[in-house]
Amino acid sequence: MSEKQQYTPYQPQEGQGKIKRNHKKEEGDKKPHWMGTIMHKGELIEFGVWENDGQYGKYFTVRVNDPNWKDKQYPKDITPREPRKMAGDVPW
């Protein structure tokens, strides 16, 4: 690569991102095994992924790294809603 060529930082498209292994992770610490970024609704979101062993095999847990978590009113209400009735629904 010549000195004049410069790479621009990775900027994902909406709904896309990347994930890479965390090479700074050491045995026994609480740092994520993998780190990534994703573009969601025009906002670049960073997250960490941990590999775990469970009763039924390996699984992954994900945690979003958002310093403004409390300011954005998370977590949002995820209570299931009643199914909506359509105009032509028969009541029986």
C-alpha atoms as a PDB file:
ATOM      1  CA  MET A   1       0.000   0.000   0.000  1.00  0.00           C
ATOM      2  CA  SER A   2       1.379   3.353  -0.941  1.00  0.00           C
ATOM      3  CA  GLU A   3       1.586   6.192   1.562  1.00  0.00           C
ATOM      4  CA  LYS A   4      -1.044   8.225  -0.330  1.00  0.00           C
ATOM      5  CA  GLN A   5      -3.760   5.586   0.062  1.00  0.00           C
ATOM      6  CA  GLN A   6      -5.768   5.874   3.241  1.00  0.00           C
ATOM      7  CA  TYR A   7      -8.608   3.686   4.343  1.00  0.00           C
ATOM      8  CA  THR A   8     -11.797   5.253   5.603  1.00  0.00           C
ATOM      9  CA  PRO A   9     -13.258   3.842   8.828  1.00  0.00           C
ATOM     10  CA  TYR A  10     -15.885   1.132   8.404  1.00  0.00           C
ATOM     11  CA  GLN A  11     -19.377   2.607   8.318  1.00  0.00           C
ATOM     12  CA  PRO A  12     -22.129  -0.041   8.153  1.00  0.00           C
ATOM     13  CA  GLN A  13     -25.316   0.404   6.181  1.00  0.00           C
ATOM     14  CA  GLU A  14     -28.722   0.386   7.918  1.00  0.00           C
ATOM     15  CA  GLY A  15     -29.392  -3.038   9.448  1.00  0.00           C
ATOM     16  CA  GLN A  16     -25.809  -4.205   8.935  1.00  0.00           C
ATOM     17  CA  GLY A  17     -22.736  -4.405  11.108  1.00  0.00           C
ATOM     18  CA  LYS A  18     -19.601  -6.308  11.960  1.00  0.00           C
ATOM     19  CA  ILE A  19     -18.280  -8.426  14.790  1.00  0.00           C
ATOM     20  CA  LYS A  20     -14.685  -9.301  15.699  1.00  0.00           C
ATOM     21  CA  ARG A  21     -12.909 -11.376  18.326  1.00  0.00           C
ATOM     22  CA  ASN A  22     -11.718  -9.420  21.375  1.00  0.00           C
ATOM     23  CA  HIS A  23      -7.980 -10.152  21.449  1.00  0.00           C
ATOM     24  CA  LYS A  24      -7.610  -8.243  24.739  1.00  0.00           C
ATOM     25  CA  LYS A  25      -9.752 -10.806  26.602  1.00  0.00           C
ATOM     26  CA  GLU A  26      -7.837 -12.752  29.228  1.00  0.00           C
ATOM     27  CA  GLU A  27      -8.888 -15.936  30.995  1.00  0.00           C
ATOM     28  CA  GLY A  28     -11.148 -15.141  33.955  1.00  0.00           C
ATOM     29  CA  ASP A  29     -11.907 -11.491  33.200  1.00  0.00           C
ATOM     30  CA  LYS A  30     -15.400 -10.202  32.399  1.00  0.00           C
ATOM     31  CA  LYS A  31     -14.607  -8.640  29.026  1.00  0.00           C
ATOM     32  CA  PRO A  32     -16.654  -9.892  26.049  1.00  0.00           C
ATOM     33  CA  HIS A  33     -15.258 -12.632  23.818  1.00  0.00           C
ATOM     34  CA  TRP A  34     -16.483 -10.760  20.734  1.00  0.00           C
ATOM     35  CA  MET A  35     -17.188  -7.059  20.064  1.00  0.00           C
ATOM     36  CA  GLY A  36     -19.261  -5.520  17.315  1.00  0.00           C
ATOM     37  CA  THR A  37     -21.144  -2.580  15.872  1.00  0.00           C
ATOM     38  CA  ILE A  38     -24.433  -2.376  13.986  1.00  0.00           C
ATOM     39  CA  MET A  39     -26.352   0.474  12.346  1.00  0.00           C
ATOM     40  CA  HIS A  40     -29.952   0.654  13.634  1.00  0.00           C
ATOM     41  CA  LYS A  41     -32.305   3.526  12.768  1.00  0.00           C
ATOM     42  CA  GLY A  42     -29.364   5.709  11.752  1.00  0.00           C
ATOM     43  CA  GLU A  43     -27.499   5.162  15.022  1.00  0.00           C
ATOM     44  CA  LEU A  44     -24.262   3.194  15.358  1.00  0.00           C
ATOM     45  CA  ILE A  45     -24.674   0.762  18.263  1.00  0.00           C
ATOM     46  CA  GLU A  46     -21.773  -1.046  19.944  1.00  0.00           C
ATOM     47  CA  PHE A  47     -22.270  -4.422  21.612  1.00  0.00           C
ATOM     48  CA  GLY A  48     -20.367  -7.247  23.286  1.00  0.00           C
ATOM     49  CA  VAL A  49     -20.901 -10.996  22.937  1.00  0.00           C
ATOM     50  CA  TRP A  50     -19.989 -13.617  25.540  1.00  0.00           C
ATOM     51  CA  GLU A  51     -19.644 -17.354  24.834  1.00  0.00           C
ATOM     52  CA  ASN A  52     -21.177 -19.538  27.551  1.00  0.00           C
ATOM     53  CA  ASP A  53     -21.609 -23.234  28.301  1.00  0.00           C
ATOM     54  CA  GLY A  54     -25.028 -24.329  29.486  1.00  0.00           C
ATOM     55  CA  GLN A  55     -26.989 -27.440  30.215  1.00  0.00           C
ATOM     56  CA  TYR A  56     -27.789 -27.931  26.512  1.00  0.00           C
ATOM     57  CA  GLY A  57     -24.459 -26.801  25.041  1.00  0.00           C
ATOM     58  CA  LYS A  58     -22.810 -23.549  24.054  1.00  0.00           C
ATOM     59  CA  TYR A  59     -24.804 -20.338  23.768  1.00  0.00           C
ATOM     60  CA  PHE A  60     -24.100 -16.619  23.386  1.00  0.00           C
ATOM     61  CA  THR A  61     -25.253 -13.610  25.397  1.00  0.00           C
ATOM     62  CA  VAL A  62     -25.279 -10.098  23.945  1.00  0.00           C
ATOM     63  CA  ARG A  63     -25.141  -6.768  25.763  1.00  0.00           C
ATOM     64  CA  VAL A  64     -25.481  -3.355  24.130  1.00  0.00           C
ATOM     65  CA  ASN A  65     -22.903  -0.795  25.197  1.00  0.00           C
ATOM     66  CA  ASP A  66     -24.964   2.400  25.378  1.00  0.00           C
ATOM     67  CA  PRO A  67     -23.773   5.070  27.850  1.00  0.00           C
ATOM     68  CA  ASN A  68     -27.117   6.888  27.489  1.00  0.00           C
ATOM     69  CA  TRP A  69     -29.184   3.809  28.353  1.00  0.00           C
ATOM     70  CA  LYS A  70     -31.269   5.557  31.032  1.00  0.00           C
ATOM     71  CA  ASP A  71     -31.809   8.691  28.922  1.00  0.00           C
ATOM     72  CA  LYS A  72     -33.347   6.669  26.067  1.00  0.00           C
ATOM     73  CA  GLN A  73     -36.073   5.092  28.208  1.00  0.00           C
ATOM     74  CA  TYR A  74     -34.804   1.521  27.909  1.00  0.00           C
ATOM     75  CA  PRO A  75     -35.941  -1.129  28.324  1.00  0.00           C
ATOM     76  CA  LYS A  76     -39.073  -0.434  26.365  1.00  0.00           C
ATOM     77  CA  ASP A  77     -42.363  -2.012  27.395  1.00  0.00           C
ATOM     78  CA  ILE A  78     -42.544  -5.467  25.804  1.00  0.00           C
ATOM     79  CA  THR A  79     -45.849  -6.556  27.363  1.00  0.00           C
ATOM     80  CA  PRO A  80     -47.825  -8.629  24.814  1.00  0.00           C
ATOM     81  CA  ARG A  81     -50.851  -6.830  23.407  1.00  0.00           C
ATOM     82  CA  GLU A  82     -54.318  -8.185  22.772  1.00  0.00           C
ATOM     83  CA  PRO A  83     -54.767  -9.320  19.166  1.00  0.00           C
ATOM     84  CA  ARG A  84     -56.528  -6.689  17.077  1.00  0.00           C
ATOM     85  CA  LYS A  85     -59.897  -7.545  15.579  1.00  0.00           C
ATOM     86  CA  MET A  86     -60.390  -7.004  11.888  1.00  0.00           C
ATOM     87  CA  ALA A  87     -63.470  -5.245  10.503  1.00  0.00           C
ATOM     88  CA  GLY A  88     -65.001  -8.461   9.185  1.00  0.00           C
ATOM     89  CA  ASP A  89     -64.237 -10.697  12.210  1.00  0.00           C
ATOM     90  CA  VAL A  90     -67.079 -12.950  13.246  1.00  0.00           C
ATOM     91  CA  PRO A  91     -67.604 -12.815  17.038  1.00  0.00           C
ATOM     92  CA  TRP A  92     -68.226 -16.611  17.342  1.00  0.00           C
END
